[in-house]
Protein backbone atom coordinates (compact mmCIF):
# COMPACT_ATOMS: atom_id res chain seq x y z
CA UNK A 1 21.37 3.75 47.87
CA UNK A 2 18.80 1.81 45.89
CA UNK A 3 17.04 3.38 42.95
CA UNK A 4 14.91 2.43 39.94
CA UNK A 5 15.11 3.56 36.34
CA UNK A 6 12.38 3.79 33.73
CA UNK A 7 13.27 4.25 30.09
CA UNK A 8 10.92 4.20 27.08
CA UNK A 9 12.25 3.69 23.58
CA UNK A 10 10.35 4.10 20.31
CA UNK A 11 11.92 2.72 17.15
CA UNK A 12 10.84 3.97 13.75
CA UNK A 13 12.55 2.88 10.53
CA UNK A 14 12.74 5.65 7.97
CA UNK A 15 14.19 5.88 4.47
CA UNK A 16 16.33 8.77 3.37
CA UNK A 17 18.81 9.64 0.62
CA UNK A 18 21.52 8.17 2.78
CA UNK A 19 19.64 4.88 3.03
CA UNK A 20 17.40 3.25 5.62
CA UNK A 21 17.79 4.07 9.30
CA UNK A 22 16.09 3.41 12.58
CA UNK A 23 15.47 6.29 14.95
CA UNK A 24 15.52 5.31 18.64
CA UNK A 25 13.55 7.93 20.52
CA UNK A 26 13.65 8.03 24.32
CA UNK A 27 10.65 9.54 26.07
CA UNK A 28 11.43 13.00 27.32
CA UNK A 29 9.31 12.36 30.38
CA UNK A 30 10.55 8.86 31.19
CA UNK A 31 14.14 8.85 29.95
CA UNK A 32 15.52 9.82 33.31
CA UNK A 33 18.15 8.26 35.52
CA UNK A 34 18.06 9.31 39.12
CA UNK A 35 21.24 10.57 40.82
CA UNK A 36 23.68 8.85 38.51
CA UNK A 37 27.21 8.83 39.81
CA UNK A 38 30.34 8.96 37.79
CA UNK A 39 33.32 6.73 38.32
CA UNK A 40 34.49 8.73 41.30
CA UNK A 41 31.08 8.50 42.97
CA UNK A 42 30.14 12.12 42.27
CA UNK A 43 26.55 12.79 41.22
CA UNK A 44 26.43 14.09 37.69
CA UNK A 45 23.84 15.81 35.56
CA UNK A 46 24.34 13.15 32.94
CA UNK A 47 26.67 10.56 31.54
CA UNK A 48 27.97 9.79 28.08
CA UNK A 49 25.85 7.01 26.65
CA UNK A 50 24.98 5.22 23.46
CA UNK A 51 24.00 1.82 22.14
CA UNK A 52 26.14 -1.23 21.53
CA UNK A 53 25.04 -3.49 18.65
CA UNK A 54 25.73 -7.22 18.33
CA UNK A 55 26.47 -7.06 14.63
CA UNK A 56 28.11 -10.49 14.59
CA UNK A 57 25.06 -12.19 16.11
CA UNK A 58 27.14 -13.97 18.75
CA UNK A 59 26.11 -12.01 21.82
CA UNK A 60 27.86 -9.18 23.60
CA UNK A 61 31.45 -9.62 24.65
CA UNK A 62 30.94 -7.65 27.84
CA UNK A 63 27.81 -8.37 29.87
CA UNK A 64 26.54 -7.28 33.27
CA UNK A 65 29.36 -7.14 35.77
CA UNK A 66 32.03 -6.42 33.17
CA UNK A 67 32.92 -3.32 31.15
CA UNK A 68 33.93 -1.90 27.82
CA UNK A 69 36.70 0.54 27.05
CA UNK A 70 35.78 3.10 24.42
CA UNK A 71 38.50 4.14 22.00
CA UNK A 72 39.60 7.67 22.69
CA UNK A 73 38.97 10.18 21.46
CA UNK A 74 35.24 9.29 21.30
CA UNK A 75 33.80 8.87 17.82
CA UNK A 76 31.89 11.80 16.37
CA UNK A 77 28.15 11.98 17.08
CA UNK A 78 26.24 9.43 14.98
CA UNK A 79 29.32 7.48 13.90
CA UNK A 80 30.51 4.30 15.53
CA UNK A 81 33.46 2.16 16.44
CA UNK A 82 34.08 -1.39 17.61
CA UNK A 83 34.69 -1.44 21.36
CA UNK A 84 37.49 -3.09 23.26
CA UNK A 85 36.79 -5.19 26.33
CA UNK A 86 38.43 -4.77 29.72
CA UNK A 87 41.45 -6.74 28.51
CA UNK A 88 41.88 -4.23 25.70
CA UNK A 89 40.98 -6.88 23.12
CA UNK A 90 39.00 -5.55 20.20
CA UNK A 91 35.41 -6.89 20.23
CA UNK A 92 32.91 -7.30 17.39
CA UNK A 93 30.38 -5.15 19.28
CA UNK A 94 29.64 -1.92 17.46
CA UNK A 95 29.11 1.29 19.45
CA UNK A 96 27.15 4.38 18.42
CA UNK A 97 27.16 7.52 20.54
CA UNK A 98 23.95 9.34 21.18
CA UNK A 99 25.44 12.84 21.40
CA UNK A 100 28.58 14.86 21.40
CA UNK A 101 27.52 16.25 24.75
CA UNK A 102 29.26 14.01 27.28
CA UNK A 103 27.60 15.52 30.32
CA UNK A 104 23.97 15.96 29.29
CA UNK A 105 22.94 12.76 27.61
CA UNK A 106 20.52 11.26 30.10
CA UNK A 107 19.47 13.79 32.69
CA UNK A 108 19.46 13.16 36.41
CA UNK A 109 17.21 14.97 38.82
CA UNK A 110 19.96 17.20 40.15
CA UNK A 111 19.44 20.09 37.81
CA UNK A 112 20.66 18.84 34.45
CA UNK A 113 18.57 20.14 31.53
CA UNK A 114 20.21 19.17 28.25
CA UNK A 115 19.09 15.57 27.76
CA UNK A 116 19.38 13.92 24.37
CA UNK A 117 16.17 12.02 23.49
CA UNK A 118 17.11 10.08 20.36
CA UNK A 119 19.79 8.34 18.38
CA UNK A 120 19.81 7.49 14.66
CA UNK A 121 21.03 4.03 13.70
CA UNK A 122 21.84 3.66 9.98
CA UNK A 123 21.11 0.35 8.32
CA UNK A 124 24.44 0.30 6.57
CA UNK A 125 27.83 -1.29 6.98
CA UNK A 126 27.72 -3.92 9.73
CA UNK A 127 24.28 -2.89 11.07
CA UNK A 128 21.16 -4.72 9.93
CA UNK A 129 17.54 -5.09 11.03
CA UNK A 130 17.21 -7.93 13.51
CA UNK A 131 20.53 -7.17 15.25
CA UNK A 132 20.36 -7.13 19.04
CA UNK A 133 21.26 -3.90 20.78
CA UNK A 134 21.53 -2.70 24.37
CA UNK A 135 22.33 0.52 26.19
CA UNK A 136 25.80 1.34 27.60
CA UNK A 137 27.04 4.34 29.51
CA UNK A 138 30.55 5.63 30.13
CA UNK A 139 32.31 7.81 32.63
CA UNK A 140 33.62 11.13 31.41
CA UNK A 141 36.87 11.03 29.42
CA UNK A 142 39.91 10.14 31.46
CA UNK A 143 37.96 8.99 34.53
CA UNK A 144 39.07 5.73 36.09
CA UNK A 145 40.99 4.87 32.93
CA UNK A 146 44.00 2.64 32.93
CA UNK A 147 45.24 4.61 29.93
CA UNK A 148 44.70 8.24 29.20
CA UNK A 149 41.75 9.14 27.01
CA UNK A 150 39.72 5.94 27.51
CA UNK A 151 36.21 5.63 28.93
CA UNK A 152 34.94 2.84 31.17
CA UNK A 153 31.31 1.66 30.64
CA UNK A 154 28.71 -0.91 31.70
CA UNK A 155 26.04 -2.65 29.63
CA UNK A 156 22.31 -2.42 30.37
CA UNK A 157 20.37 -5.61 30.00
CA UNK A 158 17.75 -6.56 28.65
CA UNK A 159 18.52 -6.50 24.99
CA UNK A 160 16.33 -5.12 22.22
CA UNK A 161 16.08 -5.99 18.53
CA UNK A 162 16.30 -3.53 15.67
CA UNK A 163 12.94 -3.73 13.81
CA UNK A 164 12.60 -4.41 10.08
CA UNK A 165 12.65 -1.54 7.63
CA UNK A 166 9.26 0.13 7.35
CA UNK A 167 8.03 -0.98 10.78
CA UNK A 168 8.16 0.43 14.27
CA UNK A 169 8.38 -0.86 17.81
CA UNK A 170 7.84 0.51 21.30
CA UNK A 171 10.14 -0.46 24.14
CA UNK A 172 9.35 0.39 27.74
CA UNK A 173 11.83 -0.92 30.29
CA UNK A 174 11.83 -0.73 34.03
CA UNK A 175 15.13 -1.28 35.79
CA UNK A 176 15.30 -1.79 39.55
CA UNK A 177 18.70 -2.18 41.17
CA UNK A 178 21.59 -0.38 42.84
CA UNK A 179 22.88 2.96 41.61
CA UNK A 180 24.94 2.26 38.49
CA UNK A 181 28.25 3.62 39.75
CA UNK A 182 31.14 2.99 37.48
CA UNK A 183 32.59 0.11 39.45
CA UNK A 184 32.64 -3.41 38.06
CA UNK A 185 31.19 -4.91 41.23
CA UNK A 186 28.14 -2.63 41.13
CA UNK A 187 25.86 -4.00 38.44
CA UNK A 188 22.18 -3.84 37.53
CA UNK A 189 20.17 -6.77 38.86
CA UNK A 190 16.61 -8.11 38.66
CA UNK A 191 15.69 -6.45 35.38
CA UNK A 192 12.02 -6.46 34.43
CA UNK A 193 11.06 -5.70 30.85
CA UNK A 194 7.76 -4.33 29.53
CA UNK A 195 8.03 -4.22 25.74
CA UNK A 196 5.31 -6.67 24.87
CA UNK A 197 3.31 -7.90 21.90
CA UNK A 198 0.46 -10.30 22.47
CA UNK A 199 -0.49 -12.91 19.88
CA UNK A 200 -3.33 -15.43 20.16
CA UNK A 201 -3.28 -18.65 18.15
CA UNK A 202 -6.07 -21.15 17.58
CA UNK A 203 -5.14 -23.78 16.72
CA UNK A 204 -1.53 -23.46 17.77
CA UNK A 205 0.42 -21.95 14.91
CA UNK A 206 -2.61 -20.17 13.40
CA UNK A 207 -2.66 -16.55 14.53
CA UNK A 208 -5.89 -14.70 15.25
CA UNK A 209 -6.23 -11.00 14.63
CA UNK A 210 -7.46 -8.74 17.38
CA UNK A 211 -11.23 -8.67 16.84
CA UNK A 212 -11.19 -12.04 15.05
CA UNK A 213 -13.50 -14.96 15.76
CA UNK A 214 -13.58 -18.67 16.45
CA UNK A 215 -16.54 -21.05 16.08
CA UNK A 216 -17.21 -24.02 18.35
CA UNK A 217 -19.44 -25.59 15.69
CA UNK A 218 -22.71 -27.36 16.47
CA UNK A 219 -23.50 -28.81 19.87
CA UNK A 220 -26.61 -30.11 21.59
CA UNK A 221 -28.18 -27.86 24.18
CA UNK A 222 -26.79 -28.71 27.61
CA UNK A 223 -23.74 -30.49 26.21
CA UNK A 224 -20.30 -28.91 26.36
CA UNK A 225 -17.09 -28.68 24.40
CA UNK A 226 -13.82 -26.84 24.93
CA UNK A 227 -11.33 -24.98 22.78
CA UNK A 228 -7.71 -24.33 23.67
CA UNK A 229 -6.01 -21.04 22.75
CA UNK A 230 -2.28 -20.34 22.72
CA UNK A 231 -1.17 -16.96 24.05
CA UNK A 232 2.27 -15.93 22.81
CA UNK A 233 4.56 -13.04 23.58
CA UNK A 234 6.06 -12.02 20.26
CA UNK A 235 7.58 -8.88 21.79
CA UNK A 236 10.92 -8.17 23.36
CA UNK A 237 9.97 -7.95 27.00
CA UNK A 238 7.76 -9.53 29.64
CA UNK A 239 4.05 -9.77 28.74
CA UNK A 240 1.79 -9.88 31.79
CA UNK A 241 -1.74 -9.54 33.08
CA UNK A 242 -4.38 -11.61 31.23
CA UNK A 243 -7.54 -10.97 33.25
CA UNK A 244 -10.40 -12.12 31.05
CA UNK A 245 -14.00 -11.02 30.71
CA UNK A 246 -16.84 -12.24 28.52
CA UNK A 247 -19.79 -10.21 27.28
CA UNK A 248 -22.03 -10.07 24.23
CA UNK A 249 -25.30 -11.73 23.33
CA UNK A 250 -24.93 -15.01 25.24
CA UNK A 251 -22.06 -14.58 27.73
CA UNK A 252 -23.42 -17.30 30.02
CA UNK A 253 -22.81 -19.94 27.33
CA UNK A 254 -19.03 -19.39 27.35
CA UNK A 255 -16.60 -19.67 30.25
CA UNK A 256 -12.85 -19.83 30.81
CA UNK A 257 -11.94 -23.13 32.48
CA UNK A 258 -8.14 -22.93 32.39
CA UNK A 259 -6.31 -19.63 32.68
CA UNK A 260 -2.90 -18.65 31.31
CA UNK A 261 0.08 -18.02 33.55
CA UNK A 262 0.22 -14.34 34.55
CA UNK A 263 3.57 -13.58 32.88
CA UNK A 264 5.05 -14.69 29.55
CA UNK A 265 8.65 -14.05 28.57
CA UNK A 266 9.55 -12.93 25.05
CA UNK A 267 9.11 -15.80 22.62
CA UNK A 268 7.31 -17.93 25.22
CA UNK A 269 3.73 -19.16 25.25
CA UNK A 270 0.96 -20.13 27.61
CA UNK A 271 -2.52 -21.48 27.01
CA UNK A 272 -6.07 -20.91 28.16
CA UNK A 273 -9.23 -22.91 27.58
CA UNK A 274 -12.76 -21.75 26.83
CA UNK A 275 -15.80 -23.96 27.33
CA UNK A 276 -19.00 -23.68 25.28
CA UNK A 277 -22.16 -24.90 27.05
CA UNK A 278 -25.21 -23.64 25.11
CA UNK A 279 -28.29 -23.00 27.21
CA UNK A 280 -30.76 -22.74 24.34
CA UNK A 281 -30.99 -23.75 20.70
CA UNK A 282 -29.95 -21.63 17.76
CA UNK A 283 -26.97 -19.38 17.02
CA UNK A 284 -25.01 -18.40 20.15
CA UNK A 285 -22.27 -15.79 20.47
CA UNK A 286 -20.20 -13.79 22.92
CA UNK A 287 -16.94 -11.82 22.98
CA UNK A 288 -13.96 -12.62 25.20
CA UNK A 289 -11.60 -9.79 26.16
CA UNK A 290 -8.02 -10.60 27.17
CA UNK A 291 -6.30 -7.76 28.97
CA UNK A 292 -2.53 -7.38 29.13
CA UNK A 293 0.22 -4.79 29.15
CA UNK A 294 0.38 -4.82 25.34
CA UNK A 295 0.32 -1.17 24.35
CA UNK A 296 -2.00 -1.40 21.34
CA UNK A 297 -3.97 -4.64 21.82
CA UNK A 298 -5.36 -4.20 25.28
CA UNK A 299 -7.71 -5.90 25.43
CA UNK A 300 -7.33 -8.52 22.72
CA UNK A 301 -10.88 -9.31 21.58
CA UNK A 302 -12.15 -12.59 20.13
CA UNK A 303 -15.74 -13.25 19.06
CA UNK A 304 -16.87 -16.72 20.10
CA UNK A 305 -19.68 -18.40 18.18
CA UNK A 306 -21.48 -21.71 18.15
CA UNK A 307 -24.73 -23.30 17.13
CA UNK A 308 -26.84 -25.11 19.69
CA UNK A 309 -28.93 -28.02 18.49
CA UNK A 310 -31.90 -29.40 20.41
CA UNK A 311 -34.81 -31.76 19.86
CA UNK A 312 -38.28 -30.23 19.86
CA UNK A 313 -41.40 -32.32 20.26
CA UNK A 314 -44.64 -31.40 18.52
CA UNK A 315 -47.89 -33.37 18.85
CA UNK A 316 -50.66 -32.99 16.28
CA UNK A 317 -54.29 -34.11 16.34
CA UNK A 318 -55.49 -34.26 13.69
CA UNK A 319 -52.33 -34.24 11.59
CA UNK A 320 -51.30 -30.66 10.93
CA UNK A 321 -53.03 -29.23 14.00
CA UNK A 322 -50.58 -28.61 16.85
CA UNK A 323 -51.55 -29.34 20.43
CA UNK A 324 -50.26 -27.33 23.40
CA UNK A 325 -48.42 -29.22 26.12
CA UNK A 326 -50.37 -29.24 29.37
CA UNK A 327 -53.45 -27.45 28.07
CA UNK A 328 -54.50 -29.69 25.19
CA UNK A 329 -57.77 -31.60 25.84
CA UNK A 330 -59.35 -34.07 23.44
CA UNK A 331 -63.09 -34.79 23.76
CA UNK A 332 -64.08 -38.18 22.35
CA UNK A 333 -67.84 -37.55 22.53
CA UNK A 334 -70.68 -39.68 24.01
CA UNK A 335 -71.07 -43.42 23.69
CA UNK A 336 -73.14 -46.12 25.34
CA UNK A 337 -71.45 -48.67 27.55
CA UNK A 338 -69.89 -51.49 25.59
CA UNK A 339 -69.49 -49.48 22.39
CA UNK A 340 -66.30 -47.91 21.07
CA UNK A 341 -65.41 -44.54 19.59
CA UNK A 342 -63.37 -44.41 16.38
CA UNK A 343 -59.64 -44.26 17.31
CA UNK A 344 -57.95 -40.85 17.38
CA UNK A 345 -54.53 -40.72 15.72
CA UNK A 346 -51.89 -38.51 17.31
CA UNK A 347 -48.83 -37.53 15.27
CA UNK A 348 -45.59 -37.02 17.21
CA UNK A 349 -43.07 -34.94 15.26
CA UNK A 350 -39.48 -33.78 15.91
CA UNK A 351 -39.28 -30.17 14.74
CA UNK A 352 -35.86 -29.60 16.36
CA UNK A 353 -32.28 -29.91 15.16
CA UNK A 354 -31.15 -32.93 17.21
CA UNK A 355 -32.52 -36.44 17.69
CA UNK A 356 -35.65 -36.75 19.81
CA UNK A 357 -34.96 -39.81 21.95
CA UNK A 358 -36.52 -41.83 24.74
CA UNK A 359 -40.06 -41.65 23.37
CA UNK A 360 -42.62 -43.33 25.63
CA UNK A 361 -46.34 -43.05 26.39
CA UNK A 362 -48.05 -43.57 29.73
CA UNK A 363 -51.59 -42.88 30.94
CA UNK A 364 -53.25 -42.05 34.21
CA UNK A 365 -56.41 -40.45 35.53
CA UNK A 366 -59.83 -41.42 36.91
CA UNK A 367 -60.94 -43.74 34.09
CA UNK A 368 -57.81 -45.17 32.46
CA UNK A 369 -59.63 -48.45 31.65
CA UNK A 370 -61.96 -46.58 29.28
CA UNK A 371 -59.08 -45.29 27.11
CA UNK A 372 -56.84 -47.65 25.16
CA UNK A 373 -53.43 -46.32 24.04
CA UNK A 374 -51.64 -48.02 21.18
CA UNK A 375 -47.91 -48.60 20.96
CA UNK A 376 -45.33 -46.24 19.47
CA UNK A 377 -43.65 -47.36 16.29
CA UNK A 378 -40.24 -45.95 17.30
CA UNK A 379 -38.49 -44.50 20.32
CA UNK A 380 -36.15 -42.12 18.45
CA UNK A 381 -36.99 -39.50 15.86
CA UNK A 382 -34.42 -37.74 13.70
CA UNK A 383 -34.99 -34.04 12.98
CA UNK A 384 -38.08 -33.74 10.77
CA UNK A 385 -39.23 -37.33 11.37
CA UNK A 386 -42.58 -38.37 12.89
CA UNK A 387 -44.50 -41.33 14.28
CA UNK A 388 -48.08 -41.94 15.43
CA UNK A 389 -49.96 -43.36 18.39
CA UNK A 390 -53.68 -44.26 18.42
CA UNK A 391 -56.05 -43.74 21.34
CA UNK A 392 -59.51 -45.33 21.56
CA UNK A 393 -62.40 -44.47 23.90
CA UNK A 394 -64.44 -47.55 24.81
CA UNK A 395 -66.38 -47.05 28.08
CA UNK A 396 -66.83 -50.16 30.15
CA UNK A 397 -69.15 -50.73 33.13
CA UNK A 398 -70.26 -48.31 35.78
CA UNK A 399 -72.94 -45.68 35.85
CA UNK A 400 -73.66 -43.10 33.20
CA UNK A 401 -71.45 -40.02 33.38
CA UNK A 402 -68.18 -38.39 32.32
CA UNK A 403 -64.99 -40.38 31.86
CA UNK A 404 -61.51 -38.75 32.01
CA UNK A 405 -57.86 -39.72 31.69
CA UNK A 406 -54.58 -38.29 30.36
CA UNK A 407 -51.53 -39.46 28.43
CA UNK A 408 -47.96 -38.37 28.97
CA UNK A 409 -45.42 -38.56 26.13
CA UNK A 410 -41.87 -38.75 27.47
CA UNK A 411 -38.78 -37.68 25.51
CA UNK A 412 -35.53 -35.74 25.83
CA UNK A 413 -37.22 -32.44 24.97
CA UNK A 414 -35.80 -29.91 27.42
CA UNK A 415 -39.02 -28.13 28.35
CA UNK A 416 -41.84 -30.48 27.29
CA UNK A 417 -40.99 -33.71 29.02
CA UNK A 418 -43.50 -35.18 29.35
CA UNK A 419 -45.94 -33.74 26.83
CA UNK A 420 -49.35 -33.95 28.57
CA UNK A 421 -52.74 -34.34 26.87
CA UNK A 422 -56.09 -34.66 28.70
CA UNK A 423 -58.92 -36.91 27.43
CA UNK A 424 -62.64 -36.81 28.14
CA UNK A 425 -65.75 -38.65 27.05
CA UNK A 426 -69.34 -39.45 28.15
CA UNK A 427 -70.57 -42.96 28.89
CA UNK A 428 -74.29 -43.89 29.03
CA UNK A 429 -76.07 -47.02 30.20
CA UNK A 430 -78.73 -48.57 27.97
CA UNK A 431 -80.38 -50.28 30.94
CA UNK A 432 -80.10 -47.80 33.80
CA UNK A 433 -82.71 -45.09 34.24
CA UNK A 434 -81.04 -42.70 36.67
CA UNK A 435 -84.03 -40.31 36.83
CA UNK A 436 -86.66 -43.11 36.99
CA UNK A 437 -88.94 -41.62 34.36
CA UNK A 438 -89.30 -44.76 32.26
CA UNK A 439 -86.59 -44.16 29.62
CA UNK A 440 -82.97 -45.35 29.91
CA UNK A 441 -80.08 -42.92 30.13
CA UNK A 442 -78.74 -43.59 26.66
CA UNK A 443 -82.20 -43.08 25.10
CA UNK A 444 -82.77 -39.77 26.85
CA UNK A 445 -79.31 -38.56 25.84
CA UNK A 446 -80.03 -39.35 22.22
CA UNK A 447 -83.38 -37.50 22.44
CA UNK A 448 -81.96 -34.47 24.22
CA UNK A 449 -82.92 -32.28 21.26
CA UNK A 450 -86.58 -33.11 21.98
CA UNK A 451 -86.32 -31.94 25.60
CA UNK A 452 -85.27 -35.20 27.27
CA UNK A 453 -82.73 -35.03 30.10
CA UNK A 454 -81.18 -38.22 31.39
CA UNK A 455 -80.64 -36.66 34.81
CA UNK A 456 -84.05 -34.92 35.19
CA UNK A 457 -87.27 -36.96 35.50
CA UNK A 458 -90.01 -36.10 33.00
CA UNK A 459 -92.48 -38.99 33.09
CA UNK A 460 -95.18 -37.12 31.17
CA UNK A 461 -92.82 -36.51 28.23
CA UNK A 462 -91.73 -40.16 28.27
CA UNK A 463 -95.36 -41.41 28.35
CA UNK A 464 -96.36 -39.14 25.49
CA UNK A 465 -93.38 -40.38 23.50
CA UNK A 466 -94.25 -44.04 23.94
CA UNK A 467 -98.02 -43.46 23.39
CA UNK A 468 -97.33 -41.96 20.00
CA UNK A 469 -94.52 -44.30 19.16
CA UNK A 470 -96.45 -47.21 17.63
CA UNK A 471 -98.44 -44.94 15.36
CA UNK A 472 -95.15 -43.61 14.04
CA UNK A 473 -93.67 -47.05 13.49
CA UNK A 474 -91.71 -47.08 16.75
CA UNK A 475 -92.13 -50.10 19.06
CA UNK A 476 -90.81 -51.08 22.43
CA UNK A 477 -88.58 -54.03 23.10
CA UNK A 478 -91.35 -55.84 25.02
CA UNK A 479 -93.66 -55.38 22.08
CA UNK A 480 -91.08 -56.83 19.75
CA UNK A 481 -90.42 -59.69 22.11
CA UNK A 482 -94.12 -60.55 22.07
CA UNK A 483 -93.60 -61.83 18.54
CA UNK A 484 -91.61 -64.79 19.87
CA UNK A 485 -93.45 -68.02 20.63
CA UNK A 486 -93.33 -69.09 24.26
CA UNK A 487 -91.68 -72.40 24.97
CA UNK A 488 -94.55 -74.92 25.51
CA UNK A 489 -94.50 -77.38 28.36
CA UNK A 490 -95.43 -80.73 26.77
CA UNK A 491 -97.33 -83.21 28.94
CA UNK A 492 -98.47 -86.77 28.19
CA UNK A 493 -102.11 -87.87 28.60
CA UNK A 494 -101.85 -90.48 31.32
CA UNK A 495 -104.84 -92.29 30.02
CA UNK A 496 -103.73 -92.55 26.42
CA UNK A 497 -99.98 -91.87 26.69
CA UNK A 498 -100.24 -89.36 23.81
CA UNK A 499 -98.55 -85.90 23.66
CA UNK A 500 -100.51 -83.10 22.02
CA UNK A 501 -98.82 -79.92 20.60
CA UNK A 502 -101.24 -77.19 19.60
CA UNK A 503 -99.79 -74.38 17.39
CA UNK A 504 -101.63 -71.26 16.30
CA UNK A 505 -100.90 -67.98 14.48
CA UNK A 506 -102.15 -64.57 15.61
CA UNK A 507 -102.14 -61.32 13.68
CA UNK A 508 -101.78 -57.66 14.75
CA UNK A 509 -101.51 -54.25 13.18
CA UNK A 510 -100.07 -52.42 16.22
CA UNK A 511 -98.25 -55.04 18.32
CA UNK A 512 -100.79 -54.35 21.05
CA UNK A 513 -103.95 -56.24 20.00
CA UNK A 514 -103.56 -59.72 18.46
CA UNK A 515 -106.35 -61.74 16.74
CA UNK A 516 -106.30 -65.43 15.71
CA UNK A 517 -105.32 -66.34 12.17
CA UNK A 518 -106.76 -69.89 11.90
CA UNK A 519 -105.05 -72.58 9.86
CA UNK A 520 -107.09 -73.83 6.91
CA UNK A 521 -106.54 -76.51 4.34
CA UNK A 522 -105.00 -76.76 1.84
CA UNK A 523 -102.65 -73.98 3.14
CA UNK A 524 -101.46 -76.25 6.00
CA UNK A 525 -99.16 -79.12 5.05
CA UNK A 526 -96.15 -81.06 6.19
CA UNK A 527 -93.10 -80.54 3.94
CA UNK A 528 -90.42 -83.00 2.98
CA UNK A 529 -88.34 -82.17 6.07
CA UNK A 530 -91.26 -83.16 8.29
CA UNK A 531 -91.95 -79.53 9.27
CA UNK A 532 -95.35 -77.81 9.27
CA UNK A 533 -95.81 -75.15 6.64
CA UNK A 534 -98.70 -72.62 6.63
CA UNK A 535 -99.10 -70.51 3.51
CA UNK A 536 -101.34 -67.44 3.73
CA UNK A 537 -101.90 -63.93 2.44
CA UNK A 538 -101.89 -60.84 4.71
CA UNK A 539 -105.43 -60.07 5.82
CA UNK A 540 -106.65 -56.67 7.05
CA UNK A 541 -103.25 -55.03 6.49
CA UNK A 542 -101.78 -56.89 9.43
CA UNK A 543 -98.06 -56.14 9.80
CA UNK A 544 -97.10 -58.41 12.66
CA UNK A 545 -97.67 -62.13 13.28
CA UNK A 546 -96.83 -64.33 16.20
CA UNK A 547 -96.81 -68.05 16.74
CA UNK A 548 -98.21 -69.49 19.93
CA UNK A 549 -97.59 -73.04 21.05
CA UNK A 550 -99.17 -74.91 23.95
């Protein structure tokens, strides 16, 4: 019949007056063998057992499928002897009995009640910490012996290691296989061990403590880097499991990209890889939990940290005053067609922790021709650096009215690409009179404080303004143009063949009514350049003079 065995062993090294010793304690609930049979095939309540120690460090002389012969009579409880192999040759494998009770050492399930749960191993004589040991059992004295008084036993594999003085170890072994009858051709097979001790190294060779941390350093937002961890089984039996979970402040920034193998033999290693992909700037952290069948480090926790760097664009106008992407609007004011507003300087600054790259400026909108955008000095800004771009409003052509456009500043900023700024301005014609009240649009806009409206006709207000203008020293363009002499059309007298040019001067005090100012001698003369000069004083407080030629 097939059966399985489960045995748990706890080793604790203790000091006493007799010297150091290790106490191997077998769990009272798990140290059971089911329906063990003795050498004759009869089910027994228990079998004589103990441990065999490889004191020479050269392995056991008798392994699975072979047997030992114990020297008879059996050694007293707690003392030991070197065993002989099946050829009766003395081995260097040292045997310690667990109890003087040969029938109630490890209980079966057939009614036995006197199980022995521990054995003391002295660190003296040939026995030292670090020696390998395994479990053996023997038939009762005289059974199946080739010589009277000898016992016939088999060795349980896997092997364990005696821990150092002052430390302890837990062993939990699970043995599937056929019933261990005392025949050499019936041996334990397919042994699976479960004494495990997980260790994590990063880098390889540098152990992390459970609850320790590792930093991925600085990385740009959206970029990624990986870190490899070595998982090692420093125990004495198979380490298995390794499902992993990540939680903490920023679990989405960290992921496992390569998983370890699910089982690691004693002394063997496997690896796993964690990727860091920060989603936002600043300090980032999470905790990875590595589960296993390690008794006291399940899960094994590692805090993962990293710093995410990112560019951050800021636009100021004027310098020191931040604009908001998408909602910023700059009003350039009102100007007449053909004139130009003073340029506005926009400061572009990198307030982030990584290079701001790919800087560019474009414009669009209803009146892009009215807004001139200068060139950028650079296309890359280091953290803390800045550059400027100038924008000028110079309305050209068209009717009076509002002018709009927008600029878009491109970069590698994650959430402000492009950075959008709206522009507005008013353009007025100095010749058009959209409301037909006698004053041009630009003039009425400038006199808006006096009640003028360039879009609403108010002829009476315009007439009153012009009627009172000259008395207040304000004159129209036509009045000013009246000061210019007309170009005379010269004609020759056909009878005499002589051309006559008549020139006169007129005076006025209001640019409306002009009176002659006759030339008189000696004020009239011809100068050295052959030009007529007329020297006179201002009569009647006249302020304006015009020359007429015919």
